[in-house]
Amino acid sequence: MKSIFAQRLKETRIANHLTQEKLAARLDYGYTAIANYESGRNEPSISDFVRLCEALNASADYLLGLSDIRRPYAVADRQLLEDLMERAHALEMHCAALLKP
């Protein structure tokens, strides 16, 4: 039975539209390293694990199965973020106008 790490690594790689070869190339690995991680034959070192998290834009907790939230700090909706930034700027301008003597 594959580990949760092996399963989530593969799912996350696919969700990022990456082949094993493309992910390996991003990390300067041979593609067999990724295949071995996904099959559960090998596990990455801590430093390689951190690099995998960064390359896949996934949290360590997610890949280890400690959380079901892939990117806990990611903004899900770019438009929502832009709207919030505009509203914050408008509020800042309004407050500055109120504080002018």
PDB file of N, CA and C in Angstrom:
ATOM      1  N   MET A   1       0.842  -1.197   0.000  1.00  0.00           N
ATOM      2  CA  MET A   1       0.000   0.000   0.000  1.00  0.00           C
ATOM      3  C   MET A   1       0.880   1.251   0.000  1.00  0.00           C
ATOM      4  N   LYS A   2       0.556   2.203  -0.885  1.00  0.00           N
ATOM      5  CA  LYS A   2       1.346   3.428  -0.972  1.00  0.00           C
ATOM      6  C   LYS A   2       1.081   4.323   0.230  1.00  0.00           C
ATOM      7  N   SER A   3       2.105   5.049   0.609  1.00  0.00           N
ATOM      8  CA  SER A   3       1.966   6.005   1.712  1.00  0.00           C
ATOM      9  C   SER A   3       1.118   7.190   1.266  1.00  0.00           C
ATOM     10  N   ILE A   4       0.595   7.897   2.247  1.00  0.00           N
ATOM     11  CA  ILE A   4      -0.181   9.108   1.937  1.00  0.00           C
ATOM     12  C   ILE A   4       0.704  10.106   1.195  1.00  0.00           C
ATOM     13  N   PHE A   5       1.979  10.175   1.570  1.00  0.00           N
ATOM     14  CA  PHE A   5       2.906  11.076   0.873  1.00  0.00           C
ATOM     15  C   PHE A   5       2.985  10.714  -0.604  1.00  0.00           C
ATOM     16  N   ALA A   6       3.168   9.437  -0.912  1.00  0.00           N
ATOM     17  CA  ALA A   6       3.285   9.003  -2.308  1.00  0.00           C
ATOM     18  C   ALA A   6       2.019   9.349  -3.087  1.00  0.00           C
ATOM     19  N   GLN A   7       0.863   9.123  -2.493  1.00  0.00           N
ATOM     20  CA  GLN A   7      -0.403   9.422  -3.157  1.00  0.00           C
ATOM     21  C   GLN A   7      -0.570  10.917  -3.397  1.00  0.00           C
ATOM     22  N   ARG A   8      -0.295  11.700  -2.365  1.00  0.00           N
ATOM     23  CA  ARG A   8      -0.499  13.150  -2.494  1.00  0.00           C
ATOM     24  C   ARG A   8       0.529  13.796  -3.411  1.00  0.00           C
ATOM     25  N   LEU A   9       1.732  13.265  -3.410  1.00  0.00           N
ATOM     26  CA  LEU A   9       2.747  13.783  -4.325  1.00  0.00           C
ATOM     27  C   LEU A   9       2.255  13.627  -5.766  1.00  0.00           C
ATOM     28  N   LYS A  10       1.774  12.446  -6.098  1.00  0.00           N
ATOM     29  CA  LYS A  10       1.294  12.200  -7.459  1.00  0.00           C
ATOM     30  C   LYS A  10       0.086  13.072  -7.783  1.00  0.00           C
ATOM     31  N   GLU A  11      -0.888  13.137  -6.872  1.00  0.00           N
ATOM     32  CA  GLU A  11      -2.081  13.953  -7.095  1.00  0.00           C
ATOM     33  C   GLU A  11      -1.717  15.421  -7.301  1.00  0.00           C
ATOM     34  N   THR A  12      -0.801  15.906  -6.486  1.00  0.00           N
ATOM     35  CA  THR A  12      -0.410  17.316  -6.570  1.00  0.00           C
ATOM     36  C   THR A  12       0.375  17.596  -7.840  1.00  0.00           C
ATOM     37  N   ARG A  13       1.239  16.668  -8.210  1.00  0.00           N
ATOM     38  CA  ARG A  13       1.988  16.822  -9.461  1.00  0.00           C
ATOM     39  C   ARG A  13       1.014  16.906 -10.640  1.00  0.00           C
ATOM     40  N   ILE A  14       0.040  16.014 -10.671  1.00  0.00           N
ATOM     41  CA  ILE A  14      -0.936  16.002 -11.763  1.00  0.00           C
ATOM     42  C   ILE A  14      -1.780  17.272 -11.745  1.00  0.00           C
ATOM     43  N   ALA A  15      -2.178  17.718 -10.550  1.00  0.00           N
ATOM     44  CA  ALA A  15      -2.966  18.954 -10.433  1.00  0.00           C
ATOM     45  C   ALA A  15      -2.194  20.167 -10.955  1.00  0.00           C
ATOM     46  N   ASN A  16      -0.868  20.101 -10.884  1.00  0.00           N
ATOM     47  CA  ASN A  16      -0.013  21.176 -11.394  1.00  0.00           C
ATOM     48  C   ASN A  16       0.339  20.972 -12.865  1.00  0.00           C
ATOM     49  N   HIS A  17      -0.284  19.981 -13.510  1.00  0.00           N
ATOM     50  CA  HIS A  17      -0.078  19.696 -14.932  1.00  0.00           C
ATOM     51  C   HIS A  17       1.385  19.402 -15.244  1.00  0.00           C
ATOM     52  N   LEU A  18       2.013  18.627 -14.365  1.00  0.00           N
ATOM     53  CA  LEU A  18       3.414  18.267 -14.556  1.00  0.00           C
ATOM     54  C   LEU A  18       3.543  16.761 -14.748  1.00  0.00           C
ATOM     55  N   THR A  19       4.396  16.372 -15.662  1.00  0.00           N
ATOM     56  CA  THR A  19       4.767  14.966 -15.769  1.00  0.00           C
ATOM     57  C   THR A  19       5.867  14.701 -14.738  1.00  0.00           C
ATOM     58  N   GLN A  20       6.153  13.433 -14.517  1.00  0.00           N
ATOM     59  CA  GLN A  20       7.271  13.108 -13.625  1.00  0.00           C
ATOM     60  C   GLN A  20       8.556  13.713 -14.168  1.00  0.00           C
ATOM     61  N   GLU A  21       8.712  13.679 -15.471  1.00  0.00           N
ATOM     62  CA  GLU A  21       9.916  14.214 -16.105  1.00  0.00           C
ATOM     63  C   GLU A  21      10.048  15.723 -15.890  1.00  0.00           C
ATOM     64  N   LYS A  22       8.923  16.447 -16.057  1.00  0.00           N
ATOM     65  CA  LYS A  22       8.972  17.905 -15.893  1.00  0.00           C
ATOM     66  C   LYS A  22       9.249  18.301 -14.450  1.00  0.00           C
ATOM     67  N   LEU A  23       8.635  17.602 -13.502  1.00  0.00           N
ATOM     68  CA  LEU A  23       8.910  17.907 -12.100  1.00  0.00           C
ATOM     69  C   LEU A  23      10.355  17.599 -11.765  1.00  0.00           C
ATOM     70  N   ALA A  24      10.847  16.477 -12.231  1.00  0.00           N
ATOM     71  CA  ALA A  24      12.242  16.102 -11.987  1.00  0.00           C
ATOM     72  C   ALA A  24      13.188  17.149 -12.571  1.00  0.00           C
ATOM     73  N   ALA A  25      12.870  17.641 -13.766  1.00  0.00           N
ATOM     74  CA  ALA A  25      13.727  18.650 -14.403  1.00  0.00           C
ATOM     75  C   ALA A  25      13.765  19.933 -13.589  1.00  0.00           C
ATOM     76  N   ARG A  26      12.613  20.331 -13.014  1.00  0.00           N
ATOM     77  CA  ARG A  26      12.584  21.535 -12.166  1.00  0.00           C
ATOM     78  C   ARG A  26      13.508  21.399 -10.966  1.00  0.00           C
ATOM     79  N   LEU A  27      13.676  20.166 -10.509  1.00  0.00           N
ATOM     80  CA  LEU A  27      14.462  19.922  -9.304  1.00  0.00           C
ATOM     81  C   LEU A  27      15.865  19.411  -9.607  1.00  0.00           C
ATOM     82  N   ASP A  28      16.203  19.328 -10.889  1.00  0.00           N
ATOM     83  CA  ASP A  28      17.488  18.771 -11.330  1.00  0.00           C
ATOM     84  C   ASP A  28      17.677  17.332 -10.861  1.00  0.00           C
ATOM     85  N   TYR A  29      16.608  16.533 -10.963  1.00  0.00           N
ATOM     86  CA  TYR A  29      16.640  15.105 -10.643  1.00  0.00           C
ATOM     87  C   TYR A  29      16.490  14.321 -11.940  1.00  0.00           C
ATOM     88  N   GLY A  30      16.779  13.031 -11.844  1.00  0.00           N
ATOM     89  CA  GLY A  30      16.359  12.115 -12.894  1.00  0.00           C
ATOM     90  C   GLY A  30      14.885  11.819 -12.658  1.00  0.00           C
ATOM     91  N   TYR A  31      14.122  11.554 -13.720  1.00  0.00           N
ATOM     92  CA  TYR A  31      12.682  11.332 -13.536  1.00  0.00           C
ATOM     93  C   TYR A  31      12.400  10.121 -12.663  1.00  0.00           C
ATOM     94  N   THR A  32      13.338   9.176 -12.599  1.00  0.00           N
ATOM     95  CA  THR A  32      13.090   7.977 -11.784  1.00  0.00           C
ATOM     96  C   THR A  32      12.990   8.319 -10.305  1.00  0.00           C
ATOM     97  N   ALA A  33      13.596   9.419  -9.882  1.00  0.00           N
ATOM     98  CA  ALA A  33      13.484   9.824  -8.470  1.00  0.00           C
ATOM     99  C   ALA A  33      12.029  10.100  -8.132  1.00  0.00           C
ATOM    100  N   ILE A  34      11.329  10.822  -9.000  1.00  0.00           N
ATOM    101  CA  ILE A  34       9.921  11.140  -8.765  1.00  0.00           C
ATOM    102  C   ILE A  34       9.089   9.859  -8.838  1.00  0.00           C
ATOM    103  N   ALA A  35       9.368   9.013  -9.812  1.00  0.00           N
ATOM    104  CA  ALA A  35       8.642   7.737  -9.938  1.00  0.00           C
ATOM    105  C   ALA A  35       8.819   6.901  -8.674  1.00  0.00           C
ATOM    106  N   ASN A  36      10.020   6.888  -8.130  1.00  0.00           N
ATOM    107  CA  ASN A  36      10.278   6.113  -6.915  1.00  0.00           C
ATOM    108  C   ASN A  36       9.574   6.707  -5.695  1.00  0.00           C
ATOM    109  N   TYR A  37       9.493   8.028  -5.607  1.00  0.00           N
ATOM    110  CA  TYR A  37       8.746   8.657  -4.509  1.00  0.00           C
ATOM    111  C   TYR A  37       7.260   8.310  -4.623  1.00  0.00           C
ATOM    112  N   GLU A  38       6.732   8.398  -5.840  1.00  0.00           N
ATOM    113  CA  GLU A  38       5.306   8.157  -6.040  1.00  0.00           C
ATOM    114  C   GLU A  38       4.913   6.691  -5.863  1.00  0.00           C
ATOM    115  N   SER A  39       5.850   5.805  -6.085  1.00  0.00           N
ATOM    116  CA  SER A  39       5.551   4.382  -5.903  1.00  0.00           C
ATOM    117  C   SER A  39       5.748   3.959  -4.448  1.00  0.00           C
ATOM    118  N   GLY A  40       6.391   4.812  -3.669  1.00  0.00           N
ATOM    119  CA  GLY A  40       6.674   4.476  -2.277  1.00  0.00           C
ATOM    120  C   GLY A  40       7.976   3.719  -2.088  1.00  0.00           C
ATOM    121  N   ARG A  41       8.726   3.510  -3.161  1.00  0.00           N
ATOM    122  CA  ARG A  41      10.018   2.810  -3.048  1.00  0.00           C
ATOM    123  C   ARG A  41      11.044   3.623  -2.280  1.00  0.00           C
ATOM    124  N   ASN A  42      11.037   4.922  -2.484  1.00  0.00           N
ATOM    125  CA  ASN A  42      11.982   5.814  -1.811  1.00  0.00           C
ATOM    126  C   ASN A  42      11.233   6.992  -1.206  1.00  0.00           C
ATOM    127  N   GLU A  43      11.875   7.648  -0.261  1.00  0.00           N
ATOM    128  CA  GLU A  43      11.352   8.889   0.313  1.00  0.00           C
ATOM    129  C   GLU A  43      12.441   9.945   0.211  1.00  0.00           C
ATOM    130  N   PRO A  44      12.040  11.198   0.012  1.00  0.00           N
ATOM    131  CA  PRO A  44      13.040  12.254  -0.144  1.00  0.00           C
ATOM    132  C   PRO A  44      13.696  12.614   1.185  1.00  0.00           C
ATOM    133  N   SER A  45      14.893  13.171   1.089  1.00  0.00           N
ATOM    134  CA  SER A  45      15.527  13.753   2.271  1.00  0.00           C
ATOM    135  C   SER A  45      14.706  14.970   2.673  1.00  0.00           C
ATOM    136  N   ILE A  46      14.962  15.506   3.834  1.00  0.00           N
ATOM    137  CA  ILE A  46      14.214  16.686   4.277  1.00  0.00           C
ATOM    138  C   ILE A  46      14.432  17.855   3.325  1.00  0.00           C
ATOM    139  N   SER A  47      15.668  18.071   2.914  1.00  0.00           N
ATOM    140  CA  SER A  47      15.927  19.198   2.006  1.00  0.00           C
ATOM    141  C   SER A  47      15.241  18.983   0.656  1.00  0.00           C
ATOM    142  N   ASP A  48      15.224  17.754   0.166  1.00  0.00           N
ATOM    143  CA  ASP A  48      14.527  17.479  -1.092  1.00  0.00           C
ATOM    144  C   ASP A  48      13.013  17.593  -0.919  1.00  0.00           C
ATOM    145  N   PHE A  49      12.513  17.212   0.243  1.00  0.00           N
ATOM    146  CA  PHE A  49      11.087  17.345   0.526  1.00  0.00           C
ATOM    147  C   PHE A  49      10.668  18.813   0.484  1.00  0.00           C
ATOM    148  N   VAL A  50      11.477  19.679   1.075  1.00  0.00           N
ATOM    149  CA  VAL A  50      11.186  21.117   1.056  1.00  0.00           C
ATOM    150  C   VAL A  50      11.169  21.627  -0.385  1.00  0.00           C
ATOM    151  N   ARG A  51      12.108  21.180  -1.191  1.00  0.00           N
ATOM    152  CA  ARG A  51      12.154  21.591  -2.595  1.00  0.00           C
ATOM    153  C   ARG A  51      10.914  21.108  -3.351  1.00  0.00           C
ATOM    154  N   LEU A  52      10.448  19.891  -3.042  1.00  0.00           N
ATOM    155  CA  LEU A  52       9.219  19.384  -3.659  1.00  0.00           C
ATOM    156  C   LEU A  52       8.032  20.257  -3.288  1.00  0.00           C
ATOM    157  N   CYS A  53       7.921  20.611  -2.014  1.00  0.00           N
ATOM    158  CA  CYS A  53       6.823  21.478  -1.574  1.00  0.00           C
ATOM    159  C   CYS A  53       6.835  22.793  -2.339  1.00  0.00           C
ATOM    160  N   GLU A  54       7.999  23.380  -2.471  1.00  0.00           N
ATOM    161  CA  GLU A  54       8.120  24.653  -3.180  1.00  0.00           C
ATOM    162  C   GLU A  54       7.784  24.502  -4.656  1.00  0.00           C
ATOM    163  N   ALA A  55       8.287  23.457  -5.293  1.00  0.00           N
ATOM    164  CA  ALA A  55       8.055  23.251  -6.723  1.00  0.00           C
ATOM    165  C   ALA A  55       6.584  22.996  -7.027  1.00  0.00           C
ATOM    166  N   LEU A  56       5.886  22.365  -6.082  1.00  0.00           N
ATOM    167  CA  LEU A  56       4.479  22.027  -6.284  1.00  0.00           C
ATOM    168  C   LEU A  56       3.530  23.044  -5.665  1.00  0.00           C
ATOM    169  N   ASN A  57       4.090  24.043  -4.993  1.00  0.00           N
ATOM    170  CA  ASN A  57       3.275  25.051  -4.309  1.00  0.00           C
ATOM    171  C   ASN A  57       2.273  24.374  -3.377  1.00  0.00           C
ATOM    172  N   ALA A  58       2.788  23.443  -2.576  1.00  0.00           N
ATOM    173  CA  ALA A  58       1.956  22.688  -1.637  1.00  0.00           C
ATOM    174  C   ALA A  58       2.602  22.735  -0.258  1.00  0.00           C
ATOM    175  N   SER A  59       1.764  22.727   0.759  1.00  0.00           N
ATOM    176  CA  SER A  59       2.311  22.745   2.118  1.00  0.00           C
ATOM    177  C   SER A  59       2.862  21.374   2.482  1.00  0.00           C
ATOM    178  N   ALA A  60       3.841  21.378   3.362  1.00  0.00           N
ATOM    179  CA  ALA A  60       4.399  20.124   3.872  1.00  0.00           C
ATOM    180  C   ALA A  60       3.323  19.320   4.588  1.00  0.00           C
ATOM    181  N   ASP A  61       2.485  19.997   5.354  1.00  0.00           N
ATOM    182  CA  ASP A  61       1.404  19.309   6.066  1.00  0.00           C
ATOM    183  C   ASP A  61       0.489  18.565   5.104  1.00  0.00           C
ATOM    184  N   TYR A  62       0.200  19.172   3.981  1.00  0.00           N
ATOM    185  CA  TYR A  62      -0.671  18.524   3.003  1.00  0.00           C
ATOM    186  C   TYR A  62      -0.002  17.275   2.439  1.00  0.00           C
ATOM    187  N   LEU A  63       1.229  17.412   1.974  1.00  0.00           N
ATOM    188  CA  LEU A  63       1.908  16.266   1.370  1.00  0.00           C
ATOM    189  C   LEU A  63       2.123  15.129   2.365  1.00  0.00           C
ATOM    190  N   LEU A  64       2.254  15.462   3.642  1.00  0.00           N
ATOM    191  CA  LEU A  64       2.444  14.427   4.665  1.00  0.00           C
ATOM    192  C   LEU A  64       1.129  13.840   5.172  1.00  0.00           C
ATOM    193  N   GLY A  65       0.016  14.418   4.752  1.00  0.00           N
ATOM    194  CA  GLY A  65      -1.276  13.911   5.186  1.00  0.00           C
ATOM    195  C   GLY A  65      -1.745  14.457   6.516  1.00  0.00           C
ATOM    196  N   LEU A  66      -1.115  15.528   7.001  1.00  0.00           N
ATOM    197  CA  LEU A  66      -1.495  16.133   8.278  1.00  0.00           C
ATOM    198  C   LEU A  66      -2.616  17.155   8.120  1.00  0.00           C
ATOM    199  N   SER A  67      -2.855  17.578   6.897  1.00  0.00           N
ATOM    200  CA  SER A  67      -3.897  18.562   6.599  1.00  0.00           C
ATOM    201  C   SER A  67      -4.478  18.236   5.236  1.00  0.00           C
ATOM    202  N   ASP A  68      -5.720  18.612   5.028  1.00  0.00           N
ATOM    203  CA  ASP A  68      -6.335  18.430   3.721  1.00  0.00           C
ATOM    204  C   ASP A  68      -6.340  19.717   2.908  1.00  0.00           C
ATOM    205  N   ILE A  69      -5.659  20.735   3.399  1.00  0.00           N
ATOM    206  CA  ILE A  69      -5.578  22.018   2.717  1.00  0.00           C
ATOM    207  C   ILE A  69      -4.238  22.084   2.004  1.00  0.00           C
ATOM    208  N   ARG A  70      -4.288  22.065   0.673  1.00  0.00           N
ATOM    209  CA  ARG A  70      -3.046  22.007  -0.114  1.00  0.00           C
ATOM    210  C   ARG A  70      -2.185  23.245   0.065  1.00  0.00           C
ATOM    211  N   ARG A  71      -2.801  24.427   0.009  1.00  0.00           N
ATOM    212  CA  ARG A  71      -2.057  25.684   0.139  1.00  0.00           C
ATOM    213  C   ARG A  71      -2.811  26.558   1.128  1.00  0.00           C
ATOM    214  N   PRO A  72      -2.503  26.442   2.412  1.00  0.00           N
ATOM    215  CA  PRO A  72      -3.304  27.159   3.402  1.00  0.00           C
ATOM    216  C   PRO A  72      -3.252  28.673   3.291  1.00  0.00           C
ATOM    217  N   TYR A  73      -2.229  29.209   2.668  1.00  0.00           N
ATOM    218  CA  TYR A  73      -2.097  30.662   2.601  1.00  0.00           C
ATOM    219  C   TYR A  73      -2.351  31.197   1.199  1.00  0.00           C
ATOM    220  N   ALA A  74      -2.835  30.363   0.307  1.00  0.00           N
ATOM    221  CA  ALA A  74      -3.077  30.785  -1.064  1.00  0.00           C
ATOM    222  C   ALA A  74      -4.396  31.546  -1.154  1.00  0.00           C
ATOM    223  N   VAL A  75      -4.424  32.488  -2.035  1.00  0.00           N
ATOM    224  CA  VAL A  75      -5.658  33.221  -2.305  1.00  0.00           C
ATOM    225  C   VAL A  75      -6.392  32.458  -3.397  1.00  0.00           C
ATOM    226  N   ALA A  76      -7.587  32.012  -3.084  1.00  0.00           N
ATOM    227  CA  ALA A  76      -8.332  31.167  -4.011  1.00  0.00           C
ATOM    228  C   ALA A  76      -8.849  31.941  -5.213  1.00  0.00           C
ATOM    229  N   ASP A  77      -9.161  33.197  -5.025  1.00  0.00           N
ATOM    230  CA  ASP A  77      -9.793  33.957  -6.091  1.00  0.00           C
ATOM    231  C   ASP A  77      -9.035  35.270  -6.298  1.00  0.00           C
ATOM    232  N   ARG A  78      -8.366  35.385  -7.417  1.00  0.00           N
ATOM    233  CA  ARG A  78      -7.561  36.573  -7.713  1.00  0.00           C
ATOM    234  C   ARG A  78      -8.441  37.823  -7.772  1.00  0.00           C
ATOM    235  N   GLN A  79      -9.620  37.698  -8.356  1.00  0.00           N
ATOM    236  CA  GLN A  79     -10.519  38.851  -8.456  1.00  0.00           C
ATOM    237  C   GLN A  79     -10.933  39.322  -7.068  1.00  0.00           C
ATOM    238  N   LEU A  80     -11.199  38.395  -6.162  1.00  0.00           N
ATOM    239  CA  LEU A  80     -11.558  38.758  -4.796  1.00  0.00           C
ATOM    240  C   LEU A  80     -10.423  39.551  -4.152  1.00  0.00           C
ATOM    241  N   LEU A  81      -9.201  39.110  -4.338  1.00  0.00           N
ATOM    242  CA  LEU A  81      -8.058  39.819  -3.782  1.00  0.00           C
ATOM    243  C   LEU A  81      -7.961  41.230  -4.357  1.00  0.00           C
ATOM    244  N   GLU A  82      -8.138  41.360  -5.647  1.00  0.00           N
ATOM    245  CA  GLU A  82      -8.073  42.685  -6.277  1.00  0.00           C
ATOM    246  C   GLU A  82      -9.170  43.599  -5.746  1.00  0.00           C
ATOM    247  N   ASP A  83     -10.375  43.061  -5.586  1.00  0.00           N
ATOM    248  CA  ASP A  83     -11.488  43.852  -5.038  1.00  0.00           C
ATOM    249  C   ASP A  83     -11.185  44.306  -3.615  1.00  0.00           C
ATOM    250  N   LEU A  84     -10.642  43.426  -2.815  1.00  0.00           N
ATOM    251  CA  LEU A  84     -10.304  43.782  -1.433  1.00  0.00           C
ATOM    252  C   LEU A  84      -9.218  44.849  -1.381  1.00  0.00           C
ATOM    253  N   MET A  85      -8.249  44.744  -2.267  1.00  0.00           N
ATOM    254  CA  MET A  85      -7.179  45.749  -2.310  1.00  0.00           C
ATOM    255  C   MET A  85      -7.739  47.115  -2.701  1.00  0.00           C
ATOM    256  N   GLU A  86      -8.660  47.146  -3.671  1.00  0.00           N
ATOM    257  CA  GLU A  86      -9.275  48.411  -4.081  1.00  0.00           C
ATOM    258  C   GLU A  86     -10.087  49.016  -2.935  1.00  0.00           C
ATOM    259  N   ARG A  87     -10.841  48.191  -2.229  1.00  0.00           N
ATOM    260  CA  ARG A  87     -11.653  48.677  -1.110  1.00  0.00           C
ATOM    261  C   ARG A  87     -10.762  49.201   0.024  1.00  0.00           C
ATOM    262  N   ALA A  88      -9.651  48.517   0.270  1.00  0.00           N
ATOM    263  CA  ALA A  88      -8.735  48.968   1.317  1.00  0.00           C
ATOM    264  C   ALA A  88      -8.131  50.319   0.948  1.00  0.00           C
ATOM    265  N   HIS A  89      -7.782  50.483  -0.320  1.00  0.00           N
ATOM    266  CA  HIS A  89      -7.215  51.748  -0.775  1.00  0.00           C
ATOM    267  C   HIS A  89      -8.259  52.869  -0.656  1.00  0.00           C
ATOM    268  N   ALA A  90      -9.481  52.584  -1.048  1.00  0.00           N
ATOM    269  CA  ALA A  90     -10.552  53.595  -0.947  1.00  0.00           C
ATOM    270  C   ALA A  90     -10.785  53.986   0.503  1.00  0.00           C
ATOM    271  N   LEU A  91     -10.768  53.015   1.395  1.00  0.00           N
ATOM    272  CA  LEU A  91     -10.950  53.299   2.819  1.00  0.00           C
ATOM    273  C   LEU A  91      -9.794  54.142   3.354  1.00  0.00           C
ATOM    274  N   GLU A  92      -8.593  53.831   2.918  1.00  0.00           N
ATOM    275  CA  GLU A  92      -7.420  54.605   3.332  1.00  0.00           C
ATOM    276  C   GLU A  92      -7.556  56.061   2.881  1.00  0.00           C
ATOM    277  N   MET A  93      -7.990  56.282   1.646  1.00  0.00           N
ATOM    278  CA  MET A  93      -8.181  57.641   1.125  1.00  0.00           C
ATOM    279  C   MET A  93      -9.274  58.365   1.882  1.00  0.00           C
ATOM    280  N   HIS A  94     -10.351  57.662   2.184  1.00  0.00           N
ATOM    281  CA  HIS A  94     -11.445  58.270   2.938  1.00  0.00           C
ATOM    282  C   HIS A  94     -10.983  58.687   4.331  1.00  0.00           C
ATOM    283  N   CYS A  95     -10.251  57.838   4.997  1.00  0.00           N
ATOM    284  CA  CYS A  95      -9.749  58.155   6.346  1.00  0.00           C
ATOM    285  C   CYS A  95      -8.770  59.317   6.301  1.00  0.00           C
ATOM    286  N   ALA A  96      -7.927  59.362   5.293  1.00  0.00           N
ATOM    287  CA  ALA A  96      -6.976  60.463   5.167  1.00  0.00           C
ATOM    288  C   ALA A  96      -7.705  61.776   4.958  1.00  0.00           C
ATOM    289  N   ALA A  97      -8.773  61.765   4.177  1.00  0.00           N
ATOM    290  CA  ALA A  97      -9.559  62.981   3.935  1.00  0.00           C
ATOM    291  C   ALA A  97     -10.243  63.437   5.227  1.00  0.00           C
ATOM    292  N   LEU A  98     -10.719  62.504   6.038  1.00  0.00           N
ATOM    293  CA  LEU A  98     -11.365  62.863   7.287  1.00  0.00           C
ATOM    294  C   LEU A  98     -10.394  63.458   8.310  1.00  0.00           C
ATOM    295  N   LEU A  99      -9.154  63.061   8.219  1.00  0.00           N
ATOM    296  CA  LEU A  99      -8.159  63.512   9.202  1.00  0.00           C
ATOM    297  C   LEU A  99      -7.477  64.810   8.805  1.00  0.00           C
ATOM    298  N   LYS A 100      -7.726  65.310   7.606  1.00  0.00           N
ATOM    299  CA  LYS A 100      -7.126  66.579   7.169  1.00  0.00           C
ATOM    300  C   LYS A 100      -7.734  67.713   7.966  1.00  0.00           C
ATOM    301  N   PRO A 101      -6.880  68.632   8.434  1.00  0.00           N
ATOM    302  CA  PRO A 101      -7.413  69.779   9.211  1.00  0.00           C
ATOM    303  C   PRO A 101      -8.107  70.813   8.349  1.00  0.00           C
TER     304      PRO A 101
END
